[in-house]
C-alpha cells in the first residue's frame, strides 16, 4: 500500500504521470520558442500570452513531478526520456501567429487525452489527489482551447 492505495495501481499511475510530465516539458519548450520567435502584427499580445502559458506549464511540470514523488515514484528528468515518450507536437522555428496558436490548441488537446486517461485510472484507484490535479488541469486547458479557437476565428 502507498498512502492507503493499492501499490500496483499507483505504480501504473506514476508511469502515466511520467508520460504527462514528458509531454508537458516538450509543450513548455515549444511555448518558450513561440514566445521568442513570434513576429507580426499580433506580436505584442501573443508574446505576453505565450509567457503566461509557459509560466503556467512550468508550474504544472512541478506539480506533476511532486505528485509522482508523493506516490513514491521517480519523475523523469532528462530530455532523452521526454523525447522518447512524448506525443505532443514539437514547435520548431514557428514565427507566424496562426501556426503558433494552432500548435497550442493541438498540444493542449493531446495533453487532455493523457490527463483524461489518468483521471479514469486515478478514479479507479481511489486516488483523489491525482484525480483532483487532473480535473483542475483539464478544466483550465479546455478554457484555454476555447479562447485560442476563438482567436483563430
N, C-alpha and C. Protein backbone atom coordinates (compact mmCIF):
# COMPACT_ATOMS: atom_id res chain seq x y z
N UNK A 1 0.83 -1.18 0.00
CA UNK A 1 0.00 0.00 0.00
C UNK A 1 0.88 1.26 0.00
N UNK A 2 0.43 2.24 -0.75
CA UNK A 2 1.07 3.56 -0.78
C UNK A 2 -0.02 4.57 -0.48
N UNK A 3 0.12 5.29 0.61
CA UNK A 3 -0.89 6.27 1.03
C UNK A 3 -2.28 5.64 1.14
N UNK A 4 -2.31 4.37 1.52
CA UNK A 4 -3.59 3.67 1.64
C UNK A 4 -4.16 3.21 0.32
N UNK A 5 -3.37 3.30 -0.75
CA UNK A 5 -3.82 2.93 -2.10
C UNK A 5 -3.08 1.70 -2.57
N UNK A 6 -3.70 0.94 -3.46
CA UNK A 6 -3.07 -0.28 -3.97
C UNK A 6 -1.81 0.05 -4.77
N UNK A 7 -0.71 -0.61 -4.39
CA UNK A 7 0.59 -0.30 -4.98
C UNK A 7 0.62 -0.51 -6.49
N UNK A 8 0.01 -1.57 -7.00
CA UNK A 8 0.07 -1.83 -8.44
C UNK A 8 -0.65 -0.73 -9.23
N UNK A 9 -1.77 -0.25 -8.70
CA UNK A 9 -2.49 0.83 -9.39
C UNK A 9 -1.71 2.14 -9.32
N UNK A 10 -1.07 2.38 -8.21
CA UNK A 10 -0.28 3.60 -8.04
C UNK A 10 0.96 3.56 -8.94
N UNK A 11 1.58 2.41 -9.06
CA UNK A 11 2.74 2.29 -9.96
C UNK A 11 2.34 2.58 -11.41
N UNK A 12 1.18 2.11 -11.82
CA UNK A 12 0.68 2.40 -13.16
C UNK A 12 0.42 3.90 -13.32
N UNK A 13 -0.13 4.52 -12.29
CA UNK A 13 -0.39 5.96 -12.34
C UNK A 13 0.90 6.76 -12.42
N UNK A 14 1.93 6.34 -11.70
CA UNK A 14 3.20 7.10 -11.78
C UNK A 14 3.81 6.98 -13.17
N UNK A 15 3.64 5.84 -13.82
CA UNK A 15 4.10 5.70 -15.20
C UNK A 15 3.36 6.67 -16.10
N UNK A 16 2.04 6.73 -15.94
CA UNK A 16 1.23 7.64 -16.75
C UNK A 16 1.54 9.11 -16.42
N UNK A 17 1.76 9.40 -15.15
CA UNK A 17 2.13 10.77 -14.77
C UNK A 17 3.49 11.16 -15.36
N UNK A 18 4.41 10.21 -15.47
CA UNK A 18 5.69 10.49 -16.13
C UNK A 18 5.49 10.77 -17.61
N UNK A 19 4.55 10.08 -18.24
CA UNK A 19 4.22 10.37 -19.63
C UNK A 19 3.69 11.80 -19.74
N UNK A 20 2.82 12.19 -18.82
CA UNK A 20 2.29 13.55 -18.82
C UNK A 20 3.41 14.56 -18.56
N UNK A 21 4.29 14.25 -17.65
CA UNK A 21 5.43 15.11 -17.35
C UNK A 21 6.28 15.34 -18.61
N UNK A 22 6.58 14.27 -19.32
CA UNK A 22 7.38 14.37 -20.54
C UNK A 22 6.68 15.27 -21.57
N UNK A 23 5.39 15.08 -21.72
CA UNK A 23 4.63 15.88 -22.68
C UNK A 23 4.57 17.35 -22.27
N UNK A 24 4.43 17.61 -20.98
CA UNK A 24 4.42 18.99 -20.51
C UNK A 24 5.77 19.66 -20.72
N UNK A 25 6.85 18.92 -20.56
CA UNK A 25 8.18 19.51 -20.76
C UNK A 25 8.39 19.88 -22.23
N UNK A 26 7.94 19.04 -23.14
CA UNK A 26 8.04 19.36 -24.56
C UNK A 26 7.14 20.54 -24.90
N UNK A 27 5.92 20.53 -24.38
CA UNK A 27 4.98 21.65 -24.58
C UNK A 27 5.59 22.95 -24.04
N UNK A 28 6.17 22.89 -22.86
CA UNK A 28 6.81 24.06 -22.26
C UNK A 28 7.89 24.63 -23.19
N UNK A 29 8.74 23.77 -23.71
CA UNK A 29 9.82 24.23 -24.60
C UNK A 29 9.26 24.82 -25.88
N UNK A 30 8.20 24.23 -26.39
CA UNK A 30 7.56 24.80 -27.58
C UNK A 30 7.02 26.20 -27.29
N UNK A 31 6.41 26.37 -26.13
CA UNK A 31 5.91 27.68 -25.75
C UNK A 31 7.03 28.71 -25.63
N UNK A 32 8.16 28.30 -25.08
CA UNK A 32 9.31 29.21 -24.99
C UNK A 32 9.73 29.65 -26.39
N UNK A 33 9.80 28.69 -27.30
CA UNK A 33 10.17 29.01 -28.67
C UNK A 33 9.16 29.94 -29.33
N UNK A 34 7.88 29.70 -29.09
CA UNK A 34 6.87 30.60 -29.65
C UNK A 34 7.04 32.01 -29.09
N UNK A 35 7.27 32.10 -27.81
CA UNK A 35 7.47 33.40 -27.14
C UNK A 35 8.66 34.15 -27.76
N UNK A 36 9.73 33.44 -28.00
CA UNK A 36 10.94 34.07 -28.53
C UNK A 36 10.81 34.44 -30.01
N UNK A 37 10.11 33.63 -30.78
CA UNK A 37 10.16 33.75 -32.24
C UNK A 37 8.95 34.39 -32.90
N UNK A 38 7.90 34.68 -32.14
CA UNK A 38 6.69 35.22 -32.76
C UNK A 38 6.98 36.56 -33.44
N UNK A 39 6.37 36.77 -34.60
CA UNK A 39 6.53 38.01 -35.36
C UNK A 39 5.17 38.45 -35.90
N UNK A 40 5.10 39.67 -36.33
CA UNK A 40 3.89 40.15 -36.99
C UNK A 40 3.06 41.07 -36.12
N UNK A 41 1.89 41.38 -36.65
CA UNK A 41 1.01 42.37 -36.02
C UNK A 41 0.46 41.90 -34.68
N UNK A 42 0.45 40.62 -34.43
CA UNK A 42 -0.04 40.09 -33.15
C UNK A 42 1.09 39.90 -32.13
N UNK A 43 2.28 40.38 -32.46
CA UNK A 43 3.45 40.14 -31.61
C UNK A 43 3.19 40.50 -30.15
N UNK A 44 2.75 41.71 -29.88
CA UNK A 44 2.65 42.17 -28.50
C UNK A 44 1.68 41.33 -27.68
N UNK A 45 0.50 41.05 -28.21
CA UNK A 45 -0.47 40.27 -27.45
C UNK A 45 -0.03 38.82 -27.30
N UNK A 46 0.53 38.23 -28.36
CA UNK A 46 0.91 36.82 -28.28
C UNK A 46 2.19 36.61 -27.47
N UNK A 47 3.12 37.53 -27.56
CA UNK A 47 4.35 37.43 -26.77
C UNK A 47 4.00 37.35 -25.28
N UNK A 48 3.10 38.19 -24.85
CA UNK A 48 2.65 38.18 -23.45
C UNK A 48 1.87 36.90 -23.14
N UNK A 49 0.99 36.50 -24.03
CA UNK A 49 0.17 35.30 -23.80
C UNK A 49 1.04 34.06 -23.72
N UNK A 50 2.03 33.96 -24.60
CA UNK A 50 2.90 32.78 -24.58
C UNK A 50 3.71 32.72 -23.29
N UNK A 51 4.12 33.87 -22.77
CA UNK A 51 4.83 33.89 -21.49
C UNK A 51 3.90 33.41 -20.36
N UNK A 52 2.66 33.85 -20.39
CA UNK A 52 1.67 33.40 -19.41
C UNK A 52 1.50 31.89 -19.48
N UNK A 53 1.43 31.36 -20.70
CA UNK A 53 1.23 29.93 -20.88
C UNK A 53 2.45 29.12 -20.46
N UNK A 54 3.67 29.60 -20.79
CA UNK A 54 4.84 28.81 -20.40
C UNK A 54 5.07 28.88 -18.90
N UNK A 55 4.71 29.99 -18.27
CA UNK A 55 4.82 30.07 -16.81
C UNK A 55 3.87 29.08 -16.16
N UNK A 56 2.64 29.00 -16.68
CA UNK A 56 1.67 28.03 -16.19
C UNK A 56 2.15 26.60 -16.41
N UNK A 57 2.70 26.32 -17.59
CA UNK A 57 3.20 24.98 -17.89
C UNK A 57 4.34 24.60 -16.95
N UNK A 58 5.21 25.55 -16.66
CA UNK A 58 6.33 25.29 -15.74
C UNK A 58 5.81 24.92 -14.35
N UNK A 59 4.77 25.61 -13.90
CA UNK A 59 4.17 25.29 -12.60
C UNK A 59 3.55 23.89 -12.63
N UNK A 60 2.91 23.55 -13.73
CA UNK A 60 2.29 22.23 -13.83
C UNK A 60 3.34 21.12 -13.87
N UNK A 61 4.46 21.38 -14.52
CA UNK A 61 5.56 20.41 -14.53
C UNK A 61 5.96 20.08 -13.09
N UNK A 62 6.10 21.12 -12.28
CA UNK A 62 6.49 20.92 -10.89
C UNK A 62 5.42 20.16 -10.12
N UNK A 63 4.16 20.50 -10.33
CA UNK A 63 3.06 19.79 -9.65
C UNK A 63 3.02 18.32 -10.03
N UNK A 64 3.24 18.02 -11.30
CA UNK A 64 3.23 16.63 -11.76
C UNK A 64 4.39 15.86 -11.12
N UNK A 65 5.58 16.44 -11.16
CA UNK A 65 6.75 15.78 -10.57
C UNK A 65 6.55 15.55 -9.07
N UNK A 66 6.01 16.53 -8.39
CA UNK A 66 5.77 16.38 -6.95
C UNK A 66 4.70 15.33 -6.67
N UNK A 67 3.71 15.20 -7.55
CA UNK A 67 2.69 14.16 -7.37
C UNK A 67 3.33 12.78 -7.54
N UNK A 68 4.21 12.65 -8.52
CA UNK A 68 4.92 11.38 -8.73
C UNK A 68 5.72 11.02 -7.48
N UNK A 69 6.41 12.01 -6.93
CA UNK A 69 7.19 11.77 -5.71
C UNK A 69 6.28 11.42 -4.53
N UNK A 70 5.15 12.08 -4.42
CA UNK A 70 4.19 11.79 -3.36
C UNK A 70 3.73 10.34 -3.44
N UNK A 71 3.59 9.84 -4.65
CA UNK A 71 3.17 8.45 -4.87
C UNK A 71 4.35 7.48 -4.85
N UNK A 72 5.49 7.97 -4.36
CA UNK A 72 6.72 7.19 -4.19
C UNK A 72 7.32 6.72 -5.50
N UNK A 73 7.08 7.49 -6.57
CA UNK A 73 7.70 7.21 -7.85
C UNK A 73 8.89 8.14 -8.07
N UNK A 74 9.52 8.01 -9.21
CA UNK A 74 10.66 8.85 -9.58
C UNK A 74 10.32 9.60 -10.86
N UNK A 75 10.28 10.93 -10.80
CA UNK A 75 9.97 11.69 -12.02
C UNK A 75 11.10 11.62 -13.03
N UNK A 76 10.72 11.47 -14.29
CA UNK A 76 11.71 11.55 -15.37
C UNK A 76 12.27 12.96 -15.38
N UNK A 77 13.54 13.09 -15.79
CA UNK A 77 14.15 14.42 -15.76
C UNK A 77 15.17 14.66 -16.86
N UNK A 78 15.20 13.80 -17.87
CA UNK A 78 16.12 14.06 -18.98
C UNK A 78 15.32 14.27 -20.26
N UNK A 79 15.85 15.12 -21.12
CA UNK A 79 15.17 15.36 -22.39
C UNK A 79 15.17 14.11 -23.26
N UNK A 80 16.16 13.25 -23.10
CA UNK A 80 16.15 11.99 -23.85
C UNK A 80 14.92 11.17 -23.48
N UNK A 81 14.61 11.10 -22.18
CA UNK A 81 13.40 10.39 -21.74
C UNK A 81 12.15 11.07 -22.28
N UNK A 82 12.12 12.39 -22.20
CA UNK A 82 10.94 13.13 -22.66
C UNK A 82 10.69 12.89 -24.14
N UNK A 83 11.74 12.99 -24.94
CA UNK A 83 11.58 12.83 -26.38
C UNK A 83 11.15 11.42 -26.76
N UNK A 84 11.54 10.45 -25.96
CA UNK A 84 11.19 9.06 -26.24
C UNK A 84 9.70 8.80 -26.08
N UNK A 85 9.09 9.42 -25.07
CA UNK A 85 7.69 9.07 -24.76
C UNK A 85 6.67 10.16 -25.06
N UNK A 86 7.12 11.36 -25.37
CA UNK A 86 6.17 12.46 -25.60
C UNK A 86 5.44 12.30 -26.94
N UNK A 87 4.18 12.74 -26.93
CA UNK A 87 3.36 12.67 -28.14
C UNK A 87 2.85 14.04 -28.58
N UNK A 88 3.09 15.09 -27.79
CA UNK A 88 2.65 16.43 -28.21
C UNK A 88 3.48 16.87 -29.40
N UNK A 89 2.88 17.66 -30.28
CA UNK A 89 3.67 18.17 -31.41
C UNK A 89 4.77 19.11 -30.92
N UNK A 90 5.87 19.09 -31.62
CA UNK A 90 7.00 19.97 -31.29
C UNK A 90 6.94 21.18 -32.20
N UNK A 91 7.01 22.35 -31.59
CA UNK A 91 7.03 23.59 -32.38
C UNK A 91 8.46 24.03 -32.60
N UNK A 92 8.89 24.05 -33.85
CA UNK A 92 10.26 24.44 -34.15
C UNK A 92 10.25 25.61 -35.12
N UNK A 93 10.86 26.71 -34.69
CA UNK A 93 11.03 27.90 -35.53
C UNK A 93 9.70 28.43 -36.06
N UNK A 94 8.69 28.41 -35.23
CA UNK A 94 7.39 28.95 -35.63
C UNK A 94 7.35 30.43 -35.29
N UNK A 95 7.07 31.26 -36.30
CA UNK A 95 7.01 32.71 -36.07
C UNK A 95 5.67 33.32 -36.50
N UNK A 96 4.84 32.54 -37.15
CA UNK A 96 3.54 33.03 -37.63
C UNK A 96 2.46 32.80 -36.58
N UNK A 97 1.63 33.81 -36.35
CA UNK A 97 0.65 33.78 -35.28
C UNK A 97 -0.33 32.62 -35.37
N UNK A 98 -0.93 32.39 -36.53
CA UNK A 98 -1.94 31.34 -36.67
C UNK A 98 -1.31 29.96 -36.44
N UNK A 99 -0.14 29.75 -37.00
CA UNK A 99 0.55 28.47 -36.81
C UNK A 99 0.89 28.26 -35.33
N UNK A 100 1.30 29.31 -34.65
CA UNK A 100 1.66 29.22 -33.24
C UNK A 100 0.45 28.86 -32.38
N UNK A 101 -0.64 29.57 -32.59
CA UNK A 101 -1.85 29.33 -31.80
C UNK A 101 -2.41 27.94 -32.10
N UNK A 102 -2.36 27.51 -33.34
CA UNK A 102 -2.83 26.16 -33.68
C UNK A 102 -1.97 25.09 -33.01
N UNK A 103 -0.67 25.32 -32.91
CA UNK A 103 0.20 24.38 -32.20
C UNK A 103 -0.23 24.26 -30.74
N UNK A 104 -0.58 25.37 -30.12
CA UNK A 104 -1.02 25.34 -28.72
C UNK A 104 -2.31 24.53 -28.59
N UNK A 105 -3.26 24.77 -29.48
CA UNK A 105 -4.52 24.02 -29.46
C UNK A 105 -4.24 22.53 -29.61
N UNK A 106 -3.43 22.16 -30.59
CA UNK A 106 -3.11 20.75 -30.83
C UNK A 106 -2.40 20.12 -29.63
N UNK A 107 -1.50 20.88 -29.03
CA UNK A 107 -0.76 20.38 -27.87
C UNK A 107 -1.69 20.17 -26.68
N UNK A 108 -2.53 21.14 -26.42
CA UNK A 108 -3.45 21.02 -25.29
C UNK A 108 -4.44 19.88 -25.48
N UNK A 109 -4.88 19.68 -26.71
CA UNK A 109 -5.79 18.55 -26.97
C UNK A 109 -5.10 17.23 -26.67
N UNK A 110 -3.83 17.13 -27.01
CA UNK A 110 -3.06 15.91 -26.72
C UNK A 110 -2.85 15.74 -25.22
N UNK A 111 -2.54 16.82 -24.53
CA UNK A 111 -2.37 16.76 -23.07
C UNK A 111 -3.66 16.32 -22.39
N UNK A 112 -4.77 16.85 -22.85
CA UNK A 112 -6.06 16.49 -22.25
C UNK A 112 -6.36 15.00 -22.43
N UNK A 113 -6.01 14.43 -23.57
CA UNK A 113 -6.20 12.98 -23.77
C UNK A 113 -5.46 12.19 -22.69
N UNK A 114 -4.22 12.57 -22.45
CA UNK A 114 -3.40 11.88 -21.45
C UNK A 114 -4.00 12.09 -20.06
N UNK A 115 -4.42 13.31 -19.78
CA UNK A 115 -4.99 13.63 -18.47
C UNK A 115 -6.30 12.90 -18.23
N UNK A 116 -7.11 12.75 -19.26
CA UNK A 116 -8.38 12.01 -19.10
C UNK A 116 -8.11 10.54 -18.80
N UNK A 117 -7.09 9.98 -19.43
CA UNK A 117 -6.69 8.61 -19.14
C UNK A 117 -6.25 8.48 -17.68
N UNK A 118 -5.45 9.43 -17.22
CA UNK A 118 -5.01 9.42 -15.83
C UNK A 118 -6.19 9.62 -14.90
N UNK A 119 -7.09 10.50 -15.26
CA UNK A 119 -8.29 10.76 -14.45
C UNK A 119 -9.10 9.48 -14.26
N UNK A 120 -9.29 8.72 -15.35
CA UNK A 120 -10.03 7.45 -15.25
C UNK A 120 -9.32 6.48 -14.31
N UNK A 121 -8.00 6.36 -14.48
CA UNK A 121 -7.25 5.42 -13.65
C UNK A 121 -7.17 5.87 -12.20
N UNK A 122 -7.05 7.16 -11.97
CA UNK A 122 -6.96 7.64 -10.59
C UNK A 122 -8.31 7.48 -9.88
N UNK A 123 -9.40 7.61 -10.61
CA UNK A 123 -10.72 7.36 -10.02
C UNK A 123 -10.85 5.90 -9.63
N UNK A 124 -10.41 5.02 -10.52
CA UNK A 124 -10.47 3.58 -10.26
C UNK A 124 -9.59 3.20 -9.07
N UNK A 125 -8.48 3.90 -8.89
CA UNK A 125 -7.55 3.61 -7.79
C UNK A 125 -7.93 4.32 -6.49
N UNK A 126 -9.01 5.09 -6.51
CA UNK A 126 -9.42 5.91 -5.37
C UNK A 126 -8.34 6.92 -4.97
N UNK A 127 -7.58 7.38 -5.95
CA UNK A 127 -6.51 8.35 -5.72
C UNK A 127 -7.06 9.76 -5.95
N UNK A 128 -7.64 10.32 -4.90
CA UNK A 128 -8.28 11.63 -5.01
C UNK A 128 -7.29 12.74 -5.30
N UNK A 129 -6.05 12.63 -4.81
CA UNK A 129 -5.05 13.67 -5.07
C UNK A 129 -4.74 13.82 -6.55
N UNK A 130 -4.47 12.70 -7.20
CA UNK A 130 -4.19 12.74 -8.64
C UNK A 130 -5.45 13.12 -9.41
N UNK A 131 -6.58 12.58 -8.97
CA UNK A 131 -7.86 12.88 -9.62
C UNK A 131 -8.13 14.38 -9.62
N UNK A 132 -7.95 15.00 -8.47
CA UNK A 132 -8.20 16.43 -8.34
C UNK A 132 -7.25 17.24 -9.22
N UNK A 133 -5.99 16.85 -9.24
CA UNK A 133 -4.99 17.53 -10.06
C UNK A 133 -5.37 17.48 -11.54
N UNK A 134 -5.74 16.30 -12.02
CA UNK A 134 -6.10 16.15 -13.43
C UNK A 134 -7.37 16.93 -13.75
N UNK A 135 -8.32 16.89 -12.86
CA UNK A 135 -9.57 17.63 -13.06
C UNK A 135 -9.30 19.13 -13.20
N UNK A 136 -8.44 19.65 -12.34
CA UNK A 136 -8.08 21.07 -12.41
C UNK A 136 -7.37 21.40 -13.74
N UNK A 137 -6.42 20.56 -14.11
CA UNK A 137 -5.69 20.78 -15.36
C UNK A 137 -6.65 20.79 -16.55
N UNK A 138 -7.53 19.80 -16.61
CA UNK A 138 -8.43 19.66 -17.75
C UNK A 138 -9.34 20.87 -17.88
N UNK A 139 -9.93 21.31 -16.79
CA UNK A 139 -10.86 22.44 -16.88
C UNK A 139 -10.14 23.71 -17.32
N UNK A 140 -8.93 23.94 -16.83
CA UNK A 140 -8.16 25.12 -17.27
C UNK A 140 -7.82 25.03 -18.75
N UNK A 141 -7.38 23.86 -19.18
CA UNK A 141 -6.94 23.70 -20.56
C UNK A 141 -8.10 23.74 -21.55
N UNK A 142 -9.24 23.22 -21.15
CA UNK A 142 -10.42 23.33 -22.01
C UNK A 142 -10.76 24.80 -22.26
N UNK A 143 -10.68 25.61 -21.23
CA UNK A 143 -10.96 27.04 -21.38
C UNK A 143 -9.92 27.70 -22.29
N UNK A 144 -8.66 27.33 -22.13
CA UNK A 144 -7.61 27.89 -22.99
C UNK A 144 -7.84 27.51 -24.44
N UNK A 145 -8.23 26.26 -24.69
CA UNK A 145 -8.52 25.83 -26.06
C UNK A 145 -9.67 26.65 -26.64
N UNK A 146 -10.71 26.84 -25.86
CA UNK A 146 -11.84 27.66 -26.31
C UNK A 146 -11.36 29.06 -26.70
N UNK A 147 -10.54 29.67 -25.86
CA UNK A 147 -10.05 31.02 -26.13
C UNK A 147 -9.16 31.06 -27.37
N UNK A 148 -8.29 30.08 -27.51
CA UNK A 148 -7.39 30.02 -28.67
C UNK A 148 -8.18 29.81 -29.95
N UNK A 149 -9.19 28.97 -29.90
CA UNK A 149 -10.04 28.74 -31.07
C UNK A 149 -10.84 30.00 -31.42
N UNK A 150 -11.26 30.73 -30.40
CA UNK A 150 -11.96 32.00 -30.63
C UNK A 150 -11.01 32.99 -31.32
N UNK A 151 -9.76 33.01 -30.88
CA UNK A 151 -8.76 33.89 -31.50
C UNK A 151 -8.55 33.49 -32.96
N UNK A 152 -8.50 32.19 -33.22
CA UNK A 152 -8.30 31.70 -34.58
C UNK A 152 -9.50 32.03 -35.47
N UNK A 153 -10.67 32.23 -34.84
CA UNK A 153 -11.87 32.59 -35.59
C UNK A 153 -12.53 31.41 -36.19
